[in-house]
Amino acid sequence: YDFLTVGSMGHTSSIAMSIAVNKPNKKVWIVDGDGAMLMHMGSLALL
């Protein structure tokens, strides 16, 4: 059930967004951190 984003800090939510678009009948949960969110905060606007 889990995709562990072991690298590419700050890009977890963007990975999740594409999964959610392609799997619209399932909830997609993102477990993010504040440092990662700040690193590429533009993804919040896209989401």
All heavy atoms as atom14 arrays in JSON, in Angstrom:
{
  "sequence": "YDFLTVGSMGHTSSIAMSIAVNKPNKKVWIVDGDGAMLMHMGSLALL",
  "atom14_mask": [
    [1, 1, 1, 1, 1, 1, 1, 1, 1, 1, 1, 1, 0, 0],
    [1, 1, 1, 1, 1, 1, 1, 1, 0, 0, 0, 0, 0, 0],
    [1, 1, 1, 1, 1, 1, 1, 1, 1, 1, 1, 0, 0, 0],
    [1, 1, 1, 1, 1, 1, 1, 1, 0, 0, 0, 0, 0, 0],
    [1, 1, 1, 1, 1, 1, 1, 0, 0, 0, 0, 0, 0, 0],
    [1, 1, 1, 1, 1, 1, 1, 0, 0, 0, 0, 0, 0, 0],
    [1, 1, 1, 1, 0, 0, 0, 0, 0, 0, 0, 0, 0, 0],
    [1, 1, 1, 1, 1, 1, 0, 0, 0, 0, 0, 0, 0, 0],
    [1, 1, 1, 1, 1, 1, 1, 1, 0, 0, 0, 0, 0, 0],
    [1, 1, 1, 1, 0, 0, 0, 0, 0, 0, 0, 0, 0, 0],
    [1, 1, 1, 1, 1, 1, 1, 1, 1, 1, 0, 0, 0, 0],
    [1, 1, 1, 1, 1, 1, 1, 0, 0, 0, 0, 0, 0, 0],
    [1, 1, 1, 1, 1, 1, 0, 0, 0, 0, 0, 0, 0, 0],
    [1, 1, 1, 1, 1, 1, 0, 0, 0, 0, 0, 0, 0, 0],
    [1, 1, 1, 1, 1, 1, 1, 1, 0, 0, 0, 0, 0, 0],
    [1, 1, 1, 1, 1, 0, 0, 0, 0, 0, 0, 0, 0, 0],
    [1, 1, 1, 1, 1, 1, 1, 1, 0, 0, 0, 0, 0, 0],
    [1, 1, 1, 1, 1, 1, 0, 0, 0, 0, 0, 0, 0, 0],
    [1, 1, 1, 1, 1, 1, 1, 1, 0, 0, 0, 0, 0, 0],
    [1, 1, 1, 1, 1, 0, 0, 0, 0, 0, 0, 0, 0, 0],
    [1, 1, 1, 1, 1, 1, 1, 0, 0, 0, 0, 0, 0, 0],
    [1, 1, 1, 1, 1, 1, 1, 1, 0, 0, 0, 0, 0, 0],
    [1, 1, 1, 1, 1, 1, 1, 1, 1, 0, 0, 0, 0, 0],
    [1, 1, 1, 1, 1, 1, 1, 0, 0, 0, 0, 0, 0, 0],
    [1, 1, 1, 1, 1, 1, 1, 1, 0, 0, 0, 0, 0, 0],
    [1, 1, 1, 1, 1, 1, 1, 1, 1, 0, 0, 0, 0, 0],
    [1, 1, 1, 1, 1, 1, 1, 1, 1, 0, 0, 0, 0, 0],
    [1, 1, 1, 1, 1, 1, 1, 0, 0, 0, 0, 0, 0, 0],
    [1, 1, 1, 1, 1, 1, 1, 1, 1, 1, 1, 1, 1, 1],
    [1, 1, 1, 1, 1, 1, 1, 1, 0, 0, 0, 0, 0, 0],
    [1, 1, 1, 1, 1, 1, 1, 0, 0, 0, 0, 0, 0, 0],
    [1, 1, 1, 1, 1, 1, 1, 1, 0, 0, 0, 0, 0, 0],
    [1, 1, 1, 1, 0, 0, 0, 0, 0, 0, 0, 0, 0, 0],
    [1, 1, 1, 1, 1, 1, 1, 1, 0, 0, 0, 0, 0, 0],
    [1, 1, 1, 1, 0, 0, 0, 0, 0, 0, 0, 0, 0, 0],
    [1, 1, 1, 1, 1, 0, 0, 0, 0, 0, 0, 0, 0, 0],
    [1, 1, 1, 1, 1, 1, 1, 1, 0, 0, 0, 0, 0, 0],
    [1, 1, 1, 1, 1, 1, 1, 1, 0, 0, 0, 0, 0, 0],
    [1, 1, 1, 1, 1, 1, 1, 1, 0, 0, 0, 0, 0, 0],
    [1, 1, 1, 1, 1, 1, 1, 1, 1, 1, 0, 0, 0, 0],
    [1, 1, 1, 1, 1, 1, 1, 1, 0, 0, 0, 0, 0, 0],
    [1, 1, 1, 1, 0, 0, 0, 0, 0, 0, 0, 0, 0, 0],
    [1, 1, 1, 1, 1, 1, 0, 0, 0, 0, 0, 0, 0, 0],
    [1, 1, 1, 1, 1, 1, 1, 1, 0, 0, 0, 0, 0, 0],
    [1, 1, 1, 1, 1, 0, 0, 0, 0, 0, 0, 0, 0, 0],
    [1, 1, 1, 1, 1, 1, 1, 1, 0, 0, 0, 0, 0, 0],
    [1, 1, 1, 1, 1, 1, 1, 1, 0, 0, 0, 0, 0, 0]
  ],
  "atom14_positions": [
    [[0.81, -1.22, 0.0], [0.0, 0.0, 0.0], [0.84, 1.27, 0.0], [0.31, 2.36, -0.22], [-0.92, 0.03, 1.22], [-1.83, -1.16, 1.35], [-1.72, -2.03, 2.43], [-2.81, -1.43, 0.39], [-2.56, -3.12, 2.57], [-3.66, -2.52, 0.51], [-3.51, -3.37, 1.6], [-4.35, -4.45, 1.73], [0.0, 0.0, 0.0], [0.0, 0.0, 0.0]],
    [[2.12, 1.14, 0.27], [2.95, 2.32, 0.55], [4.03, 2.53, -0.51], [4.72, 1.58, -0.9], [3.64, 2.18, 1.91], [2.67, 1.79, 3.01], [1.52, 2.29, 2.98], [3.05, 1.01, 3.9], [0.0, 0.0, 0.0], [0.0, 0.0, 0.0], [0.0, 0.0, 0.0], [0.0, 0.0, 0.0], [0.0, 0.0, 0.0], [0.0, 0.0, 0.0]],
    [[4.17, 3.78, -0.94], [5.34, 4.16, -1.73], [6.23, 5.01, -0.84], [5.84, 6.11, -0.43], [4.96, 4.93, -2.99], [6.17, 5.23, -3.85], [6.71, 4.25, -4.66], [6.77, 6.47, -3.81], [7.84, 4.51, -5.44], [7.89, 6.74, -4.58], [8.43, 5.75, -5.39], [0.0, 0.0, 0.0], [0.0, 0.0, 0.0], [0.0, 0.0, 0.0]],
    [[7.4, 4.49, -0.52], [8.34, 5.18, 0.36], [9.26, 6.05, -0.48], [10.13, 5.54, -1.19], [9.16, 4.16, 1.16], [8.37, 3.04, 1.85], [9.32, 2.08, 2.55], [7.37, 3.61, 2.84], [0.0, 0.0, 0.0], [0.0, 0.0, 0.0], [0.0, 0.0, 0.0], [0.0, 0.0, 0.0], [0.0, 0.0, 0.0], [0.0, 0.0, 0.0]],
    [[9.06, 7.35, -0.42], [9.87, 8.26, -1.23], [11.2, 8.47, -0.5], [11.39, 9.44, 0.23], [9.15, 9.61, -1.43], [7.8, 9.37, -1.8], [9.82, 10.43, -2.51], [0.0, 0.0, 0.0], [0.0, 0.0, 0.0], [0.0, 0.0, 0.0], [0.0, 0.0, 0.0], [0.0, 0.0, 0.0], [0.0, 0.0, 0.0], [0.0, 0.0, 0.0]],
    [[12.13, 7.54, -0.72], [13.36, 7.56, 0.07], [14.31, 8.69, -0.32], [15.2, 9.05, 0.43], [14.09, 6.2, -0.01], [13.27, 5.1, 0.63], [14.44, 5.85, -1.46], [0.0, 0.0, 0.0], [0.0, 0.0, 0.0], [0.0, 0.0, 0.0], [0.0, 0.0, 0.0], [0.0, 0.0, 0.0], [0.0, 0.0, 0.0], [0.0, 0.0, 0.0]],
    [[14.16, 9.24, -1.51], [14.98, 10.37, -1.95], [14.09, 11.5, -2.45], [12.94, 11.61, -2.05], [0.0, 0.0, 0.0], [0.0, 0.0, 0.0], [0.0, 0.0, 0.0], [0.0, 0.0, 0.0], [0.0, 0.0, 0.0], [0.0, 0.0, 0.0], [0.0, 0.0, 0.0], [0.0, 0.0, 0.0], [0.0, 0.0, 0.0], [0.0, 0.0, 0.0]],
    [[14.63, 12.33, -3.3], [13.9, 13.43, -3.96], [13.04, 14.22, -2.99], [11.83, 14.36, -3.16], [13.06, 12.92, -5.14], [12.09, 11.98, -4.72], [0.0, 0.0, 0.0], [0.0, 0.0, 0.0], [0.0, 0.0, 0.0], [0.0, 0.0, 0.0], [0.0, 0.0, 0.0], [0.0, 0.0, 0.0], [0.0, 0.0, 0.0], [0.0, 0.0, 0.0]],
    [[13.69, 14.75, -1.97], [12.98, 15.48, -0.91], [12.14, 16.61, -1.49], [12.59, 17.38, -2.34], [13.99, 16.04, 0.08], [13.38, 16.76, 1.27], [14.67, 17.2, 2.45], [13.76, 18.25, 3.57], [0.0, 0.0, 0.0], [0.0, 0.0, 0.0], [0.0, 0.0, 0.0], [0.0, 0.0, 0.0], [0.0, 0.0, 0.0], [0.0, 0.0, 0.0]],
    [[10.89, 16.69, -1.03], [10.0, 17.75, -1.46], [9.07, 17.39, -2.59], [8.19, 18.17, -2.95], [0.0, 0.0, 0.0], [0.0, 0.0, 0.0], [0.0, 0.0, 0.0], [0.0, 0.0, 0.0], [0.0, 0.0, 0.0], [0.0, 0.0, 0.0], [0.0, 0.0, 0.0], [0.0, 0.0, 0.0], [0.0, 0.0, 0.0], [0.0, 0.0, 0.0]],
    [[9.23, 16.19, -3.16], [8.45, 15.82, -4.34], [7.36, 14.78, -4.05], [6.68, 14.34, -4.98], [9.37, 15.3, -5.44], [10.3, 16.35, -5.98], [9.84, 17.5, -6.6], [11.65, 16.45, -5.99], [10.88, 18.25, -6.97], [11.98, 17.63, -6.6], [0.0, 0.0, 0.0], [0.0, 0.0, 0.0], [0.0, 0.0, 0.0], [0.0, 0.0, 0.0]],
    [[7.19, 14.4, -2.79], [6.21, 13.36, -2.46], [4.8, 13.73, -2.89], [4.07, 12.91, -3.46], [6.24, 13.1, -0.94], [7.55, 12.64, -0.58], [5.21, 12.07, -0.53], [0.0, 0.0, 0.0], [0.0, 0.0, 0.0], [0.0, 0.0, 0.0], [0.0, 0.0, 0.0], [0.0, 0.0, 0.0], [0.0, 0.0, 0.0], [0.0, 0.0, 0.0]],
    [[4.4, 14.97, -2.64], [3.02, 15.36, -2.96], [2.78, 15.37, -4.47], [1.65, 15.11, -4.93], [2.7, 16.72, -2.36], [3.55, 17.74, -2.86], [0.0, 0.0, 0.0], [0.0, 0.0, 0.0], [0.0, 0.0, 0.0], [0.0, 0.0, 0.0], [0.0, 0.0, 0.0], [0.0, 0.0, 0.0], [0.0, 0.0, 0.0], [0.0, 0.0, 0.0]],
    [[3.81, 15.67, -5.25], [3.65, 15.65, -6.71], [3.51, 14.22, -7.23], [2.72, 13.95, -8.15], [4.83, 16.35, -7.38], [4.88, 17.71, -7.01], [0.0, 0.0, 0.0], [0.0, 0.0, 0.0], [0.0, 0.0, 0.0], [0.0, 0.0, 0.0], [0.0, 0.0, 0.0], [0.0, 0.0, 0.0], [0.0, 0.0, 0.0], [0.0, 0.0, 0.0]],
    [[4.28, 13.3, -6.66], [4.12, 11.89, -7.01], [2.7, 11.45, -6.71], [2.02, 10.81, -7.52], [5.13, 11.03, -6.22], [6.58, 11.37, -6.61], [4.86, 9.53, -6.43], [7.62, 10.77, -5.7], [0.0, 0.0, 0.0], [0.0, 0.0, 0.0], [0.0, 0.0, 0.0], [0.0, 0.0, 0.0], [0.0, 0.0, 0.0], [0.0, 0.0, 0.0]],
    [[2.22, 11.83, -5.52], [0.88, 11.44, -5.09], [-0.19, 12.04, -5.97], [-1.22, 11.4, -6.25], [0.66, 11.86, -3.63], [0.0, 0.0, 0.0], [0.0, 0.0, 0.0], [0.0, 0.0, 0.0], [0.0, 0.0, 0.0], [0.0, 0.0, 0.0], [0.0, 0.0, 0.0], [0.0, 0.0, 0.0], [0.0, 0.0, 0.0], [0.0, 0.0, 0.0]],
    [[0.01, 13.26, -6.42], [-0.99, 13.91, -7.26], [-1.22, 13.13, -8.55], [-2.37, 12.89, -8.96], [-0.56, 15.34, -7.59], [-1.53, 16.08, -8.5], [-1.0, 17.78, -8.81], [-2.09, 18.2, -10.17], [0.0, 0.0, 0.0], [0.0, 0.0, 0.0], [0.0, 0.0, 0.0], [0.0, 0.0, 0.0], [0.0, 0.0, 0.0], [0.0, 0.0, 0.0]],
    [[-0.16, 12.69, -9.2], [-0.32, 11.94, -10.45], [-0.98, 10.59, -10.19], [-1.77, 10.1, -11.02], [1.02, 11.74, -11.13], [1.36, 12.88, -11.88], [0.0, 0.0, 0.0], [0.0, 0.0, 0.0], [0.0, 0.0, 0.0], [0.0, 0.0, 0.0], [0.0, 0.0, 0.0], [0.0, 0.0, 0.0], [0.0, 0.0, 0.0], [0.0, 0.0, 0.0]],
    [[-0.66, 9.97, -9.05], [-1.32, 8.71, -8.71], [-2.81, 8.93, -8.51], [-3.65, 8.18, -9.01], [-0.67, 8.09, -7.46], [0.77, 7.66, -7.77], [-1.49, 6.89, -6.96], [1.57, 7.26, -6.55], [0.0, 0.0, 0.0], [0.0, 0.0, 0.0], [0.0, 0.0, 0.0], [0.0, 0.0, 0.0], [0.0, 0.0, 0.0], [0.0, 0.0, 0.0]],
    [[-3.16, 10.0, -7.79], [-4.57, 10.3, -7.5], [-5.35, 10.59, -8.78], [-6.51, 10.18, -8.92], [-4.67, 11.48, -6.54], [0.0, 0.0, 0.0], [0.0, 0.0, 0.0], [0.0, 0.0, 0.0], [0.0, 0.0, 0.0], [0.0, 0.0, 0.0], [0.0, 0.0, 0.0], [0.0, 0.0, 0.0], [0.0, 0.0, 0.0], [0.0, 0.0, 0.0]],
    [[-4.74, 11.3, -9.71], [-5.4, 11.61, -10.98], [-5.73, 10.33, -11.74], [-6.8, 10.21, -12.35], [-4.52, 12.55, -11.83], [-5.04, 12.64, -13.25], [-4.45, 13.93, -11.19], [0.0, 0.0, 0.0], [0.0, 0.0, 0.0], [0.0, 0.0, 0.0], [0.0, 0.0, 0.0], [0.0, 0.0, 0.0], [0.0, 0.0, 0.0], [0.0, 0.0, 0.0]],
    [[-4.81, 9.37, -11.68], [-4.98, 8.14, -12.45], [-5.74, 7.05, -11.7], [-6.13, 6.04, -12.3], [-3.62, 7.61, -12.89], [-3.02, 8.44, -14.01], [-3.4, 8.28, -15.17], [-2.11, 9.34, -13.67], [0.0, 0.0, 0.0], [0.0, 0.0, 0.0], [0.0, 0.0, 0.0], [0.0, 0.0, 0.0], [0.0, 0.0, 0.0], [0.0, 0.0, 0.0]],
    [[-5.95, 7.23, -10.42], [-6.72, 6.28, -9.61], [-7.79, 7.06, -8.83], [-7.76, 7.14, -7.6], [-5.79, 5.52, -8.65], [-4.69, 4.73, -9.33], [-5.26, 3.6, -10.2], [-4.16, 2.84, -10.94], [-4.71, 1.74, -11.77], [0.0, 0.0, 0.0], [0.0, 0.0, 0.0], [0.0, 0.0, 0.0], [0.0, 0.0, 0.0], [0.0, 0.0, 0.0]],
    [[-8.76, 7.63, -9.52], [-9.7, 8.57, -8.89], [-10.69, 7.92, -7.92], [-11.34, 8.62, -7.15], [-10.44, 9.17, -10.09], [-10.36, 8.12, -11.15], [-9.02, 7.48, -10.96], [0.0, 0.0, 0.0], [0.0, 0.0, 0.0], [0.0, 0.0, 0.0], [0.0, 0.0, 0.0], [0.0, 0.0, 0.0], [0.0, 0.0, 0.0], [0.0, 0.0, 0.0]],
    [[-10.77, 6.58, -7.92], [-11.73, 5.92, -7.05], [-11.14, 5.48, -5.72], [-11.81, 4.79, -4.94], [-12.33, 4.7, -7.77], [-13.12, 5.11, -8.99], [-13.84, 6.11, -8.97], [-12.99, 4.36, -10.08], [0.0, 0.0, 0.0], [0.0, 0.0, 0.0], [0.0, 0.0, 0.0], [0.0, 0.0, 0.0], [0.0, 0.0, 0.0], [0.0, 0.0, 0.0]],
    [[-9.89, 5.86, -5.44], [-9.25, 5.57, -4.17], [-8.74, 6.86, -3.54], [-8.27, 7.77, -4.24], [-8.06, 4.62, -4.37], [-8.41, 3.16, -4.44], [-8.78, 2.59, -3.07], [-8.89, 1.08, -3.12], [-9.27, 0.51, -1.81], [0.0, 0.0, 0.0], [0.0, 0.0, 0.0], [0.0, 0.0, 0.0], [0.0, 0.0, 0.0], [0.0, 0.0, 0.0]],
    [[-8.85, 6.93, -2.23], [-8.18, 8.02, -1.52], [-6.67, 7.81, -1.6], [-6.18, 6.68, -1.47], [-8.59, 8.03, -0.05], [-10.03, 8.44, 0.21], [-10.24, 9.93, -0.02], [-11.64, 10.35, 0.42], [-11.92, 11.76, 0.08], [0.0, 0.0, 0.0], [0.0, 0.0, 0.0], [0.0, 0.0, 0.0], [0.0, 0.0, 0.0], [0.0, 0.0, 0.0]],
    [[-5.94, 8.87, -1.82], [-4.48, 8.82, -1.8], [-4.01, 9.68, -0.63], [-4.3, 10.87, -0.58], [-3.88, 9.32, -3.13], [-2.36, 9.35, -3.05], [-4.34, 8.43, -4.28], [0.0, 0.0, 0.0], [0.0, 0.0, 0.0], [0.0, 0.0, 0.0], [0.0, 0.0, 0.0], [0.0, 0.0, 0.0], [0.0, 0.0, 0.0], [0.0, 0.0, 0.0]],
    [[-3.33, 9.04, 0.3], [-2.87, 9.71, 1.51], [-1.41, 10.1, 1.35], [-0.58, 9.3, 0.91], [-3.02, 8.79, 2.72], [-4.43, 8.38, 3.03], [-5.24, 7.59, 2.27], [-5.19, 8.75, 4.18], [-6.47, 7.43, 2.87], [-6.46, 8.12, 4.05], [-4.93, 9.52, 5.31], [-7.47, 8.26, 5.02], [-5.93, 9.65, 6.27], [-7.18, 9.04, 6.12]],
    [[-1.09, 11.32, 1.72], [0.29, 11.82, 1.67], [0.77, 12.05, 3.1], [0.14, 12.79, 3.85], [0.39, 13.14, 0.89], [-0.17, 12.99, -0.52], [1.83, 13.64, 0.85], [-0.36, 14.33, -1.25], [0.0, 0.0, 0.0], [0.0, 0.0, 0.0], [0.0, 0.0, 0.0], [0.0, 0.0, 0.0], [0.0, 0.0, 0.0], [0.0, 0.0, 0.0]],
    [[1.86, 11.41, 3.46], [2.52, 11.67, 4.74], [3.76, 12.5, 4.44], [4.76, 12.0, 3.94], [2.88, 10.37, 5.48], [3.66, 10.67, 6.76], [1.62, 9.58, 5.8], [0.0, 0.0, 0.0], [0.0, 0.0, 0.0], [0.0, 0.0, 0.0], [0.0, 0.0, 0.0], [0.0, 0.0, 0.0], [0.0, 0.0, 0.0], [0.0, 0.0, 0.0]],
    [[3.66, 13.78, 4.73], [4.7, 14.74, 4.36], [5.36, 15.32, 5.61], [4.84, 15.17, 6.72], [4.05, 15.86, 3.53], [4.95, 16.4, 2.44], [6.17, 16.12, 2.47], [4.43, 17.09, 1.53], [0.0, 0.0, 0.0], [0.0, 0.0, 0.0], [0.0, 0.0, 0.0], [0.0, 0.0, 0.0], [0.0, 0.0, 0.0], [0.0, 0.0, 0.0]],
    [[6.48, 15.99, 5.42], [7.15, 16.68, 6.51], [7.24, 18.16, 6.21], [7.15, 18.58, 5.05], [0.0, 0.0, 0.0], [0.0, 0.0, 0.0], [0.0, 0.0, 0.0], [0.0, 0.0, 0.0], [0.0, 0.0, 0.0], [0.0, 0.0, 0.0], [0.0, 0.0, 0.0], [0.0, 0.0, 0.0], [0.0, 0.0, 0.0], [0.0, 0.0, 0.0]],
    [[7.44, 18.95, 7.25], [7.48, 20.4, 7.04], [8.7, 20.81, 6.22], [8.6, 21.68, 5.34], [7.45, 21.14, 8.38], [8.56, 20.73, 9.31], [8.5, 19.63, 9.88], [9.5, 21.52, 9.52], [0.0, 0.0, 0.0], [0.0, 0.0, 0.0], [0.0, 0.0, 0.0], [0.0, 0.0, 0.0], [0.0, 0.0, 0.0], [0.0, 0.0, 0.0]],
    [[9.85, 20.2, 6.46], [11.04, 20.55, 5.69], [10.87, 20.2, 4.22], [11.26, 20.96, 3.34], [0.0, 0.0, 0.0], [0.0, 0.0, 0.0], [0.0, 0.0, 0.0], [0.0, 0.0, 0.0], [0.0, 0.0, 0.0], [0.0, 0.0, 0.0], [0.0, 0.0, 0.0], [0.0, 0.0, 0.0], [0.0, 0.0, 0.0], [0.0, 0.0, 0.0]],
    [[10.28, 19.03, 3.96], [10.04, 18.61, 2.58], [9.02, 19.52, 1.91], [9.19, 19.9, 0.74], [9.56, 17.16, 2.55], [0.0, 0.0, 0.0], [0.0, 0.0, 0.0], [0.0, 0.0, 0.0], [0.0, 0.0, 0.0], [0.0, 0.0, 0.0], [0.0, 0.0, 0.0], [0.0, 0.0, 0.0], [0.0, 0.0, 0.0], [0.0, 0.0, 0.0]],
    [[7.96, 19.88, 2.63], [6.94, 20.76, 2.06], [7.54, 22.11, 1.68], [7.27, 22.66, 0.61], [5.81, 20.95, 3.06], [4.66, 21.81, 2.55], [3.81, 22.69, 3.87], [5.05, 23.9, 4.35], [0.0, 0.0, 0.0], [0.0, 0.0, 0.0], [0.0, 0.0, 0.0], [0.0, 0.0, 0.0], [0.0, 0.0, 0.0], [0.0, 0.0, 0.0]],
    [[8.38, 22.65, 2.58], [9.0, 23.95, 2.31], [9.96, 23.88, 1.12], [10.1, 24.87, 0.38], [9.76, 24.44, 3.54], [8.91, 24.85, 4.75], [9.81, 25.02, 5.97], [8.16, 26.13, 4.47], [0.0, 0.0, 0.0], [0.0, 0.0, 0.0], [0.0, 0.0, 0.0], [0.0, 0.0, 0.0], [0.0, 0.0, 0.0], [0.0, 0.0, 0.0]],
    [[10.6, 22.74, 0.95], [11.65, 22.64, -0.08], [11.11, 22.92, -1.48], [11.76, 23.59, -2.29], [12.32, 21.27, -0.02], [13.44, 21.12, -1.02], [14.57, 19.76, -0.67], [15.6, 20.48, 0.61], [0.0, 0.0, 0.0], [0.0, 0.0, 0.0], [0.0, 0.0, 0.0], [0.0, 0.0, 0.0], [0.0, 0.0, 0.0], [0.0, 0.0, 0.0]],
    [[9.92, 22.42, -1.78], [9.31, 22.67, -3.1], [7.85, 23.06, -2.9], [6.93, 22.35, -3.35], [9.47, 21.46, -4.02], [10.89, 21.16, -4.37], [11.68, 22.03, -5.11], [11.7, 20.12, -4.06], [12.89, 21.52, -5.25], [12.93, 20.37, -4.62], [0.0, 0.0, 0.0], [0.0, 0.0, 0.0], [0.0, 0.0, 0.0], [0.0, 0.0, 0.0]],
    [[7.63, 24.2, -2.27], [6.3, 24.6, -1.85], [5.4, 24.93, -3.03], [4.17, 24.99, -2.89], [6.38, 25.77, -0.87], [5.15, 25.93, -0.02], [5.43, 26.89, 1.49], [5.95, 28.47, 0.83], [0.0, 0.0, 0.0], [0.0, 0.0, 0.0], [0.0, 0.0, 0.0], [0.0, 0.0, 0.0], [0.0, 0.0, 0.0], [0.0, 0.0, 0.0]],
    [[5.96, 25.12, -4.2], [5.14, 25.36, -5.37], [4.19, 24.23, -5.68], [3.14, 24.42, -6.31], [0.0, 0.0, 0.0], [0.0, 0.0, 0.0], [0.0, 0.0, 0.0], [0.0, 0.0, 0.0], [0.0, 0.0, 0.0], [0.0, 0.0, 0.0], [0.0, 0.0, 0.0], [0.0, 0.0, 0.0], [0.0, 0.0, 0.0], [0.0, 0.0, 0.0]],
    [[4.51, 23.02, -5.22], [3.62, 21.88, -5.45], [2.29, 22.07, -4.74], [1.28, 21.51, -5.17], [4.29, 20.58, -5.0], [4.57, 20.61, -3.61], [0.0, 0.0, 0.0], [0.0, 0.0, 0.0], [0.0, 0.0, 0.0], [0.0, 0.0, 0.0], [0.0, 0.0, 0.0], [0.0, 0.0, 0.0], [0.0, 0.0, 0.0], [0.0, 0.0, 0.0]],
    [[2.26, 22.85, -3.65], [0.99, 23.13, -2.97], [0.04, 23.89, -3.89], [-1.16, 23.63, -3.92], [1.21, 23.93, -1.69], [1.94, 23.26, -0.53], [2.0, 24.22, 0.66], [1.29, 21.96, -0.12], [0.0, 0.0, 0.0], [0.0, 0.0, 0.0], [0.0, 0.0, 0.0], [0.0, 0.0, 0.0], [0.0, 0.0, 0.0], [0.0, 0.0, 0.0]],
    [[0.59, 24.85, -4.62], [-0.24, 25.63, -5.55], [-0.78, 24.74, -6.66], [-1.95, 24.86, -7.06], [0.57, 26.78, -6.13], [0.0, 0.0, 0.0], [0.0, 0.0, 0.0], [0.0, 0.0, 0.0], [0.0, 0.0, 0.0], [0.0, 0.0, 0.0], [0.0, 0.0, 0.0], [0.0, 0.0, 0.0], [0.0, 0.0, 0.0], [0.0, 0.0, 0.0]],
    [[0.05, 23.85, -7.16], [-0.39, 22.94, -8.22], [-1.49, 22.01, -7.72], [-2.51, 21.82, -8.39], [0.81, 22.13, -8.72], [0.61, 21.32, -9.99], [0.38, 22.23, -11.18], [1.81, 20.42, -10.24], [0.0, 0.0, 0.0], [0.0, 0.0, 0.0], [0.0, 0.0, 0.0], [0.0, 0.0, 0.0], [0.0, 0.0, 0.0], [0.0, 0.0, 0.0]],
    [[-1.3, 21.47, -6.53], [-2.31, 20.6, -5.95], [-3.61, 21.36, -5.68], [-4.7, 20.88, -5.98], [-1.78, 19.99, -4.64], [-1.12, 18.62, -4.76], [-0.32, 18.31, -3.5], [-2.15, 17.54, -4.99], [0.0, 0.0, 0.0], [0.0, 0.0, 0.0], [0.0, 0.0, 0.0], [0.0, 0.0, 0.0], [0.0, 0.0, 0.0], [0.0, 0.0, 0.0]]
  ]
}
